[in-house]
């Protein structure tokens, strides 16, 4: 087998492994989201807020690749469910931060202790150098997925039919 074929086979195997991990993670998150009474997409946004902490809606939009309009809806739902609260910046009252509600985050995060224990057991076999490589790979993979998400969002928006301004519709024909 040539080096090119070997590399192509390895890349395919890596893609398959990452897809399976991603899908299983999505299934786990969906179960957690269902228990919490929120959507999977909202659960994903909670993860970003939980990991990064206090942030603006614009920052959450950057991290997720969602539009700021979509993020406003997400934050509205998460605030209503008690997972986050909005907090005005003391120095610039126009700026609003999304702040995680720690008690609720801890409650929704309990099932993830199962994942943390499994990952700790798995990672115990890795050297520090291997862990650093995995961190680099995960960080770069996130950026690749964010870029792909943004491109797909832009394509979807470009393909969406444009609504005509009010008053420009053709009148209906009489029967």
N, C-alpha and C. Protein backbone atom coordinates (compact mmCIF):
# COMPACT_ATOMS: atom_id res chain seq x y z
N UNK A 1 0.85 -1.18 0.00
CA UNK A 1 0.00 0.00 0.00
C UNK A 1 0.90 1.24 0.00
N UNK A 2 0.64 2.18 -0.88
CA UNK A 2 1.48 3.38 -0.97
C UNK A 2 1.23 4.30 0.20
N UNK A 3 2.17 5.22 0.42
CA UNK A 3 2.03 6.18 1.52
C UNK A 3 0.78 7.02 1.36
N UNK A 4 0.48 7.45 0.13
CA UNK A 4 -0.71 8.28 -0.12
C UNK A 4 -1.98 7.52 0.27
N UNK A 5 -2.05 6.24 -0.11
CA UNK A 5 -3.23 5.45 0.25
C UNK A 5 -3.29 5.22 1.75
N UNK A 6 -2.15 4.98 2.36
CA UNK A 6 -2.11 4.78 3.80
C UNK A 6 -2.58 6.04 4.51
N UNK A 7 -2.10 7.19 4.10
CA UNK A 7 -2.52 8.45 4.71
C UNK A 7 -4.00 8.68 4.47
N UNK A 8 -4.47 8.43 3.26
CA UNK A 8 -5.89 8.61 2.95
C UNK A 8 -6.74 7.68 3.83
N UNK A 9 -6.29 6.46 4.02
CA UNK A 9 -7.02 5.52 4.86
C UNK A 9 -7.03 5.98 6.32
N UNK A 10 -5.88 6.49 6.78
CA UNK A 10 -5.81 7.00 8.16
C UNK A 10 -6.72 8.21 8.34
N UNK A 11 -6.72 9.11 7.39
CA UNK A 11 -7.57 10.29 7.48
C UNK A 11 -9.05 9.90 7.49
N UNK A 12 -9.41 8.89 6.69
CA UNK A 12 -10.80 8.43 6.69
C UNK A 12 -11.16 7.79 8.02
N UNK A 13 -10.24 7.01 8.57
CA UNK A 13 -10.46 6.37 9.86
C UNK A 13 -10.62 7.42 10.97
N UNK A 14 -9.79 8.46 10.92
CA UNK A 14 -9.89 9.55 11.89
C UNK A 14 -11.23 10.28 11.74
N UNK A 15 -11.62 10.58 10.51
CA UNK A 15 -12.91 11.24 10.29
C UNK A 15 -14.06 10.40 10.85
N UNK A 16 -14.03 9.11 10.57
CA UNK A 16 -15.09 8.22 11.07
C UNK A 16 -15.12 8.20 12.60
N UNK A 17 -13.95 8.12 13.22
CA UNK A 17 -13.88 8.09 14.68
C UNK A 17 -14.43 9.40 15.27
N UNK A 18 -14.07 10.52 14.67
CA UNK A 18 -14.52 11.82 15.18
C UNK A 18 -16.03 11.99 14.97
N UNK A 19 -16.55 11.51 13.86
CA UNK A 19 -17.99 11.59 13.61
C UNK A 19 -18.77 10.78 14.64
N UNK A 20 -18.25 9.59 14.96
CA UNK A 20 -18.92 8.74 15.93
C UNK A 20 -18.88 9.38 17.32
N UNK A 21 -17.72 9.93 17.70
CA UNK A 21 -17.61 10.61 18.99
C UNK A 21 -18.57 11.80 19.03
N UNK A 22 -18.60 12.59 17.96
CA UNK A 22 -19.48 13.75 17.89
C UNK A 22 -20.95 13.34 18.01
N UNK A 23 -21.32 12.29 17.28
CA UNK A 23 -22.70 11.82 17.32
C UNK A 23 -23.08 11.30 18.70
N UNK A 24 -22.18 10.55 19.32
CA UNK A 24 -22.47 10.04 20.66
C UNK A 24 -22.57 11.18 21.66
N UNK A 25 -21.70 12.17 21.53
CA UNK A 25 -21.78 13.35 22.39
C UNK A 25 -23.09 14.09 22.21
N UNK A 26 -23.55 14.18 20.96
CA UNK A 26 -24.83 14.84 20.67
C UNK A 26 -25.98 14.05 21.29
N UNK A 27 -25.92 12.72 21.24
CA UNK A 27 -26.97 11.89 21.84
C UNK A 27 -26.99 12.08 23.37
N UNK A 28 -25.81 12.11 23.97
CA UNK A 28 -25.72 12.31 25.42
C UNK A 28 -26.30 13.68 25.78
N UNK A 29 -25.86 14.72 25.05
CA UNK A 29 -26.34 16.08 25.32
C UNK A 29 -27.85 16.19 25.12
N UNK A 30 -28.39 15.47 24.15
CA UNK A 30 -29.84 15.51 23.92
C UNK A 30 -30.57 14.92 25.11
N UNK A 31 -30.05 13.83 25.66
CA UNK A 31 -30.69 13.25 26.85
C UNK A 31 -30.65 14.22 28.02
N UNK A 32 -29.51 14.90 28.20
CA UNK A 32 -29.39 15.89 29.27
C UNK A 32 -30.35 17.05 29.01
N UNK A 33 -30.40 17.52 27.76
CA UNK A 33 -31.29 18.63 27.41
C UNK A 33 -32.75 18.25 27.63
N UNK A 34 -33.12 17.04 27.23
CA UNK A 34 -34.50 16.59 27.44
C UNK A 34 -34.85 16.59 28.92
N UNK A 35 -33.93 16.11 29.76
CA UNK A 35 -34.17 16.10 31.21
C UNK A 35 -34.31 17.51 31.76
N UNK A 36 -33.58 18.46 31.15
CA UNK A 36 -33.61 19.85 31.62
C UNK A 36 -34.77 20.63 31.01
N UNK A 37 -35.45 20.04 30.02
CA UNK A 37 -36.58 20.71 29.40
C UNK A 37 -36.20 21.79 28.40
N UNK A 38 -35.03 21.64 27.77
CA UNK A 38 -34.58 22.61 26.77
C UNK A 38 -34.18 21.88 25.50
N UNK A 39 -33.95 22.62 24.43
CA UNK A 39 -33.55 22.00 23.16
C UNK A 39 -32.06 21.65 23.19
N UNK A 40 -31.67 20.78 22.28
CA UNK A 40 -30.26 20.40 22.15
C UNK A 40 -29.40 21.60 21.78
N UNK A 41 -29.92 22.46 20.88
CA UNK A 41 -29.16 23.65 20.48
C UNK A 41 -28.95 24.58 21.66
N UNK A 42 -29.98 24.75 22.48
CA UNK A 42 -29.84 25.59 23.67
C UNK A 42 -28.85 24.97 24.65
N UNK A 43 -28.85 23.64 24.73
CA UNK A 43 -27.90 22.94 25.60
C UNK A 43 -26.47 23.19 25.12
N UNK A 44 -26.27 23.18 23.81
CA UNK A 44 -24.94 23.46 23.26
C UNK A 44 -24.48 24.87 23.65
N UNK A 45 -25.40 25.82 23.59
CA UNK A 45 -25.06 27.20 23.98
C UNK A 45 -24.74 27.29 25.45
N UNK A 46 -25.45 26.52 26.28
CA UNK A 46 -25.13 26.48 27.71
C UNK A 46 -23.69 26.02 27.92
N UNK A 47 -23.26 25.04 27.13
CA UNK A 47 -21.87 24.56 27.26
C UNK A 47 -20.88 25.69 27.03
N UNK A 48 -21.11 26.50 25.99
CA UNK A 48 -20.19 27.62 25.72
C UNK A 48 -20.18 28.61 26.88
N UNK A 49 -21.35 28.94 27.40
CA UNK A 49 -21.45 29.88 28.52
C UNK A 49 -20.81 29.26 29.77
N UNK A 50 -21.04 27.98 29.98
CA UNK A 50 -20.50 27.30 31.16
C UNK A 50 -18.97 27.25 31.11
N UNK A 51 -18.40 26.98 29.95
CA UNK A 51 -16.94 26.87 29.83
C UNK A 51 -16.29 28.25 29.89
N UNK A 52 -16.85 29.22 29.16
CA UNK A 52 -16.21 30.53 29.07
C UNK A 52 -16.66 31.49 30.18
N UNK A 53 -17.86 31.29 30.70
CA UNK A 53 -18.37 32.19 31.73
C UNK A 53 -19.05 33.40 31.12
N UNK A 54 -19.13 34.44 31.89
CA UNK A 54 -19.80 35.68 31.51
C UNK A 54 -19.32 36.16 30.14
N UNK A 55 -20.29 36.43 29.24
CA UNK A 55 -19.94 36.87 27.89
C UNK A 55 -21.10 37.66 27.30
N UNK A 56 -20.80 38.38 26.23
CA UNK A 56 -21.85 39.11 25.52
C UNK A 56 -22.55 38.16 24.54
N UNK A 57 -23.72 38.57 24.09
CA UNK A 57 -24.43 37.79 23.08
C UNK A 57 -23.60 37.72 21.80
N UNK A 58 -22.92 38.80 21.48
CA UNK A 58 -22.05 38.81 20.30
C UNK A 58 -20.95 37.76 20.40
N UNK A 59 -20.38 37.61 21.57
CA UNK A 59 -19.33 36.60 21.78
C UNK A 59 -19.91 35.20 21.63
N UNK A 60 -21.11 34.98 22.17
CA UNK A 60 -21.74 33.67 22.02
C UNK A 60 -22.03 33.38 20.55
N UNK A 61 -22.43 34.40 19.81
CA UNK A 61 -22.66 34.23 18.37
C UNK A 61 -21.35 33.86 17.67
N UNK A 62 -20.24 34.51 18.05
CA UNK A 62 -18.93 34.18 17.47
C UNK A 62 -18.56 32.72 17.75
N UNK A 63 -18.75 32.29 18.99
CA UNK A 63 -18.36 30.94 19.39
C UNK A 63 -19.18 29.86 18.71
N UNK A 64 -20.47 30.14 18.50
CA UNK A 64 -21.38 29.13 17.95
C UNK A 64 -21.52 29.18 16.44
N UNK A 65 -21.21 30.33 15.85
CA UNK A 65 -21.45 30.49 14.42
C UNK A 65 -22.90 30.83 14.11
N UNK A 66 -23.71 31.05 15.14
CA UNK A 66 -25.10 31.44 14.93
C UNK A 66 -25.20 32.95 14.74
N UNK A 67 -26.29 33.40 14.17
CA UNK A 67 -26.50 34.84 14.01
C UNK A 67 -26.83 35.46 15.37
N UNK A 68 -26.65 36.76 15.49
CA UNK A 68 -26.98 37.43 16.75
C UNK A 68 -28.49 37.36 16.99
N UNK A 69 -29.27 37.37 15.92
CA UNK A 69 -30.73 37.23 16.08
C UNK A 69 -31.09 35.88 16.68
N UNK A 70 -30.45 34.82 16.20
CA UNK A 70 -30.71 33.49 16.74
C UNK A 70 -30.27 33.41 18.20
N UNK A 71 -29.14 34.04 18.51
CA UNK A 71 -28.63 34.03 19.88
C UNK A 71 -29.58 34.75 20.83
N UNK A 72 -30.21 35.82 20.36
CA UNK A 72 -31.19 36.53 21.20
C UNK A 72 -32.31 35.58 21.62
N UNK A 73 -32.80 34.78 20.69
CA UNK A 73 -33.84 33.80 21.01
C UNK A 73 -33.34 32.76 21.99
N UNK A 74 -32.12 32.29 21.79
CA UNK A 74 -31.52 31.30 22.70
C UNK A 74 -31.43 31.87 24.12
N UNK A 75 -30.90 33.08 24.22
CA UNK A 75 -30.72 33.69 25.54
C UNK A 75 -32.08 33.93 26.20
N UNK A 76 -33.07 34.36 25.43
CA UNK A 76 -34.42 34.54 25.98
C UNK A 76 -34.93 33.24 26.60
N UNK A 77 -34.77 32.13 25.87
CA UNK A 77 -35.26 30.83 26.37
C UNK A 77 -34.46 30.38 27.59
N UNK A 78 -33.13 30.54 27.54
CA UNK A 78 -32.29 30.11 28.66
C UNK A 78 -32.54 30.96 29.91
N UNK A 79 -32.81 32.24 29.71
CA UNK A 79 -33.12 33.11 30.84
C UNK A 79 -34.46 32.71 31.45
N UNK A 80 -35.44 32.46 30.60
CA UNK A 80 -36.77 32.06 31.09
C UNK A 80 -36.68 30.74 31.87
N UNK A 81 -35.81 29.82 31.42
CA UNK A 81 -35.65 28.53 32.09
C UNK A 81 -34.74 28.62 33.32
N UNK A 82 -34.12 29.78 33.54
CA UNK A 82 -33.31 29.98 34.74
C UNK A 82 -31.85 29.60 34.62
N UNK A 83 -31.36 29.33 33.41
CA UNK A 83 -29.96 28.91 33.23
C UNK A 83 -29.00 30.09 33.16
N UNK A 84 -29.46 31.22 32.65
CA UNK A 84 -28.63 32.41 32.54
C UNK A 84 -29.44 33.63 32.98
N UNK A 85 -28.72 34.70 33.22
CA UNK A 85 -29.37 35.98 33.46
C UNK A 85 -28.60 37.03 32.68
N UNK A 86 -29.28 38.12 32.36
CA UNK A 86 -28.64 39.24 31.67
C UNK A 86 -28.15 40.22 32.73
N UNK A 87 -26.96 40.77 32.48
CA UNK A 87 -26.36 41.69 33.43
C UNK A 87 -25.75 42.86 32.65
N UNK A 88 -26.13 44.08 33.00
CA UNK A 88 -25.59 45.27 32.32
C UNK A 88 -24.17 45.55 32.79
N UNK A 89 -23.34 46.02 31.86
CA UNK A 89 -21.98 46.43 32.17
C UNK A 89 -22.04 47.71 33.00
N UNK A 90 -21.30 47.75 34.08
CA UNK A 90 -21.31 48.92 34.96
C UNK A 90 -20.75 50.17 34.27
N UNK A 91 -19.76 49.99 33.41
CA UNK A 91 -19.13 51.16 32.77
C UNK A 91 -19.81 51.57 31.47
N UNK A 92 -20.54 50.66 30.85
CA UNK A 92 -21.25 50.96 29.60
C UNK A 92 -22.61 50.27 29.66
N UNK A 93 -23.62 51.00 30.07
CA UNK A 93 -24.95 50.43 30.30
C UNK A 93 -25.58 49.86 29.04
N UNK A 94 -25.05 50.20 27.86
CA UNK A 94 -25.58 49.64 26.61
C UNK A 94 -25.14 48.18 26.43
N UNK A 95 -24.04 47.82 27.05
CA UNK A 95 -23.47 46.48 26.92
C UNK A 95 -24.13 45.53 27.91
N UNK A 96 -24.58 44.38 27.41
CA UNK A 96 -25.25 43.39 28.26
C UNK A 96 -24.47 42.08 28.21
N UNK A 97 -24.26 41.51 29.38
CA UNK A 97 -23.57 40.22 29.48
C UNK A 97 -24.56 39.11 29.77
N UNK A 98 -24.24 37.93 29.27
CA UNK A 98 -24.97 36.71 29.61
C UNK A 98 -24.17 36.06 30.73
N UNK A 99 -24.82 35.83 31.84
CA UNK A 99 -24.13 35.29 33.02
C UNK A 99 -24.77 33.96 33.40
N UNK A 100 -23.96 32.91 33.56
CA UNK A 100 -24.54 31.62 33.95
C UNK A 100 -25.07 31.67 35.38
N UNK A 101 -26.19 31.01 35.63
CA UNK A 101 -26.73 30.85 36.97
C UNK A 101 -26.14 29.55 37.51
N UNK A 102 -25.18 29.68 38.42
CA UNK A 102 -24.35 28.55 38.83
C UNK A 102 -25.14 27.38 39.39
N UNK A 103 -26.15 27.65 40.21
CA UNK A 103 -26.93 26.55 40.80
C UNK A 103 -27.58 25.71 39.69
N UNK A 104 -28.14 26.39 38.72
CA UNK A 104 -28.82 25.69 37.62
C UNK A 104 -27.79 24.97 36.74
N UNK A 105 -26.63 25.59 36.53
CA UNK A 105 -25.57 24.96 35.73
C UNK A 105 -25.07 23.70 36.41
N UNK A 106 -24.93 23.75 37.73
CA UNK A 106 -24.48 22.57 38.47
C UNK A 106 -25.51 21.45 38.36
N UNK A 107 -26.78 21.82 38.44
CA UNK A 107 -27.86 20.84 38.34
C UNK A 107 -27.84 20.16 36.97
N UNK A 108 -27.78 20.93 35.90
CA UNK A 108 -27.80 20.36 34.56
C UNK A 108 -26.49 19.63 34.24
N UNK A 109 -25.42 20.02 34.94
CA UNK A 109 -24.11 19.43 34.67
C UNK A 109 -23.86 18.10 35.36
N UNK A 110 -24.70 17.71 36.30
CA UNK A 110 -24.45 16.46 37.04
C UNK A 110 -24.26 15.24 36.13
N UNK A 111 -25.09 15.03 35.11
CA UNK A 111 -24.86 13.87 34.24
C UNK A 111 -23.49 13.86 33.57
N UNK A 112 -22.90 15.05 33.38
CA UNK A 112 -21.59 15.12 32.73
C UNK A 112 -20.47 14.60 33.61
N UNK A 113 -20.76 14.38 34.90
CA UNK A 113 -19.77 13.76 35.77
C UNK A 113 -19.45 12.35 35.28
N UNK A 114 -20.43 11.68 34.67
CA UNK A 114 -20.19 10.36 34.07
C UNK A 114 -19.15 10.46 32.97
N UNK A 115 -19.28 11.47 32.13
CA UNK A 115 -18.33 11.68 31.03
C UNK A 115 -16.96 12.05 31.59
N UNK A 116 -16.94 12.93 32.59
CA UNK A 116 -15.66 13.34 33.18
C UNK A 116 -14.90 12.16 33.76
N UNK A 117 -15.61 11.27 34.46
CA UNK A 117 -14.94 10.09 35.03
C UNK A 117 -14.41 9.17 33.93
N UNK A 118 -15.21 8.96 32.89
CA UNK A 118 -14.77 8.10 31.78
C UNK A 118 -13.55 8.70 31.08
N UNK A 119 -13.57 10.01 30.87
CA UNK A 119 -12.45 10.67 30.20
C UNK A 119 -11.20 10.66 31.07
N UNK A 120 -11.37 10.86 32.37
CA UNK A 120 -10.22 10.82 33.28
C UNK A 120 -9.56 9.44 33.24
N UNK A 121 -10.39 8.41 33.23
CA UNK A 121 -9.85 7.04 33.17
C UNK A 121 -9.11 6.83 31.85
N UNK A 122 -9.70 7.28 30.75
CA UNK A 122 -9.07 7.12 29.44
C UNK A 122 -7.76 7.92 29.37
N UNK A 123 -7.77 9.15 29.86
CA UNK A 123 -6.61 10.04 29.74
C UNK A 123 -5.47 9.66 30.67
N UNK A 124 -5.74 8.85 31.67
CA UNK A 124 -4.68 8.42 32.59
C UNK A 124 -3.56 7.68 31.86
N UNK A 125 -3.88 7.08 30.73
CA UNK A 125 -2.88 6.32 29.98
C UNK A 125 -2.02 7.21 29.07
N UNK A 126 -2.38 8.49 28.92
CA UNK A 126 -1.66 9.38 28.01
C UNK A 126 -0.58 10.17 28.73
N UNK A 127 0.50 10.42 28.01
CA UNK A 127 1.56 11.29 28.55
C UNK A 127 1.10 12.74 28.48
N UNK A 128 1.82 13.62 29.16
CA UNK A 128 1.50 15.05 29.08
C UNK A 128 1.64 15.54 27.65
N UNK A 129 2.65 15.06 26.93
CA UNK A 129 2.84 15.48 25.54
C UNK A 129 1.65 15.04 24.68
N UNK A 130 1.15 13.83 24.91
CA UNK A 130 -0.02 13.36 24.16
C UNK A 130 -1.25 14.19 24.49
N UNK A 131 -1.42 14.53 25.77
CA UNK A 131 -2.55 15.36 26.16
C UNK A 131 -2.47 16.74 25.52
N UNK A 132 -1.26 17.31 25.48
CA UNK A 132 -1.08 18.62 24.83
C UNK A 132 -1.43 18.54 23.35
N UNK A 133 -1.04 17.44 22.70
CA UNK A 133 -1.39 17.25 21.29
C UNK A 133 -2.91 17.16 21.12
N UNK A 134 -3.55 16.39 21.98
CA UNK A 134 -5.01 16.25 21.90
C UNK A 134 -5.72 17.59 22.13
N UNK A 135 -5.20 18.39 23.04
CA UNK A 135 -5.77 19.72 23.27
C UNK A 135 -5.61 20.56 22.02
N UNK A 136 -4.44 20.54 21.43
CA UNK A 136 -4.21 21.29 20.18
C UNK A 136 -5.14 20.80 19.09
N UNK A 137 -5.26 19.50 18.94
CA UNK A 137 -6.13 18.93 17.91
C UNK A 137 -7.59 19.34 18.16
N UNK A 138 -8.04 19.24 19.40
CA UNK A 138 -9.41 19.62 19.71
C UNK A 138 -9.69 21.09 19.44
N UNK A 139 -8.75 21.94 19.80
CA UNK A 139 -8.90 23.38 19.58
C UNK A 139 -8.93 23.70 18.09
N UNK A 140 -8.04 23.10 17.34
CA UNK A 140 -8.01 23.34 15.89
C UNK A 140 -9.23 22.73 15.21
N UNK A 141 -9.70 21.60 15.69
CA UNK A 141 -10.90 20.97 15.12
C UNK A 141 -12.12 21.84 15.36
N UNK A 142 -12.20 22.43 16.55
CA UNK A 142 -13.32 23.34 16.84
C UNK A 142 -13.30 24.50 15.84
N UNK A 143 -12.14 25.08 15.58
CA UNK A 143 -12.05 26.21 14.65
C UNK A 143 -12.46 25.78 13.24
N UNK A 144 -12.06 24.58 12.84
CA UNK A 144 -12.47 24.07 11.52
C UNK A 144 -13.98 23.90 11.44
N UNK A 145 -14.58 23.37 12.50
CA UNK A 145 -16.04 23.19 12.52
C UNK A 145 -16.76 24.54 12.55
N UNK A 146 -16.22 25.50 13.30
CA UNK A 146 -16.82 26.84 13.34
C UNK A 146 -16.78 27.47 11.96
N UNK A 147 -15.64 27.35 11.27
CA UNK A 147 -15.53 27.90 9.91
C UNK A 147 -16.55 27.25 8.98
N UNK A 148 -16.69 25.92 9.07
CA UNK A 148 -17.65 25.22 8.22
C UNK A 148 -19.08 25.63 8.57
N UNK A 149 -19.37 25.79 9.86
CA UNK A 149 -20.71 26.22 10.30
C UNK A 149 -21.03 27.61 9.76
N UNK A 150 -20.08 28.50 9.84
CA UNK A 150 -20.28 29.87 9.35
C UNK A 150 -20.52 29.87 7.84
N UNK A 151 -19.73 29.10 7.11
CA UNK A 151 -19.91 29.02 5.65
C UNK A 151 -21.28 28.43 5.30
N UNK A 152 -21.69 27.39 6.02
CA UNK A 152 -23.00 26.80 5.75
C UNK A 152 -24.11 27.80 6.06
N UNK A 153 -24.00 28.50 7.19
CA UNK A 153 -25.00 29.52 7.54
C UNK A 153 -25.09 30.57 6.45
N UNK A 154 -23.94 31.02 5.95
CA UNK A 154 -23.93 32.03 4.89
C UNK A 154 -24.57 31.49 3.61
N UNK A 155 -24.32 30.23 3.27
CA UNK A 155 -24.95 29.61 2.09
C UNK A 155 -26.45 29.54 2.25
N UNK A 156 -26.90 29.10 3.42
CA UNK A 156 -28.34 28.98 3.67
C UNK A 156 -29.01 30.35 3.56
N UNK A 157 -28.37 31.36 4.15
CA UNK A 157 -28.94 32.71 4.08
C UNK A 157 -28.97 33.22 2.65
N UNK A 158 -27.94 32.92 1.86
CA UNK A 158 -27.89 33.37 0.47
C UNK A 158 -28.94 32.67 -0.38
N UNK A 159 -29.25 31.42 -0.06
CA UNK A 159 -30.23 30.65 -0.82
C UNK A 159 -31.66 30.94 -0.41
N UNK A 160 -31.86 31.54 0.77
CA UNK A 160 -33.21 31.79 1.27
C UNK A 160 -33.92 32.79 0.36
N UNK A 161 -35.20 32.53 0.06
CA UNK A 161 -35.93 33.48 -0.77
C UNK A 161 -36.05 34.81 -0.05
N UNK A 162 -35.82 35.86 -0.80
CA UNK A 162 -35.90 37.21 -0.23
C UNK A 162 -37.36 37.65 -0.23
N UNK A 163 -37.81 38.17 0.91
CA UNK A 163 -39.17 38.68 1.01
C UNK A 163 -39.25 40.03 0.34
N UNK A 164 -40.35 40.26 -0.35
CA UNK A 164 -40.55 41.55 -1.00
C UNK A 164 -41.04 42.54 0.05
N UNK A 165 -40.59 43.79 -0.07
CA UNK A 165 -41.08 44.80 0.87
C UNK A 165 -42.60 44.94 0.79
N UNK A 166 -43.20 45.35 1.89
CA UNK A 166 -44.64 45.54 1.96
C UNK A 166 -45.12 46.44 0.85
N UNK A 167 -46.22 46.07 0.22
CA UNK A 167 -46.82 46.89 -0.83
C UNK A 167 -46.30 46.57 -2.22
N UNK A 168 -45.35 45.62 -2.34
CA UNK A 168 -44.82 45.32 -3.67
C UNK A 168 -45.36 44.00 -4.20
N UNK A 169 -46.30 43.40 -3.48
CA UNK A 169 -46.85 42.14 -3.92
C UNK A 169 -47.82 42.38 -5.08
N UNK A 170 -47.86 41.41 -5.98
CA UNK A 170 -48.81 41.50 -7.08
C UNK A 170 -50.23 41.32 -6.56
N UNK A 171 -51.17 42.10 -7.07
CA UNK A 171 -52.55 41.91 -6.62
C UNK A 171 -53.08 40.58 -7.11
N UNK A 172 -53.96 40.00 -6.31
CA UNK A 172 -54.59 38.72 -6.69
C UNK A 172 -55.55 38.92 -7.84
N UNK A 173 -55.60 37.96 -8.69
CA UNK A 173 -56.55 37.99 -9.80
C UNK A 173 -57.92 37.58 -9.29
N UNK A 174 -58.90 38.22 -9.80
CA UNK A 174 -60.29 37.86 -9.43
C UNK A 174 -60.62 36.54 -10.06
N UNK A 175 -61.41 35.72 -9.37
CA UNK A 175 -61.77 34.40 -9.94
C UNK A 175 -62.71 34.51 -11.09
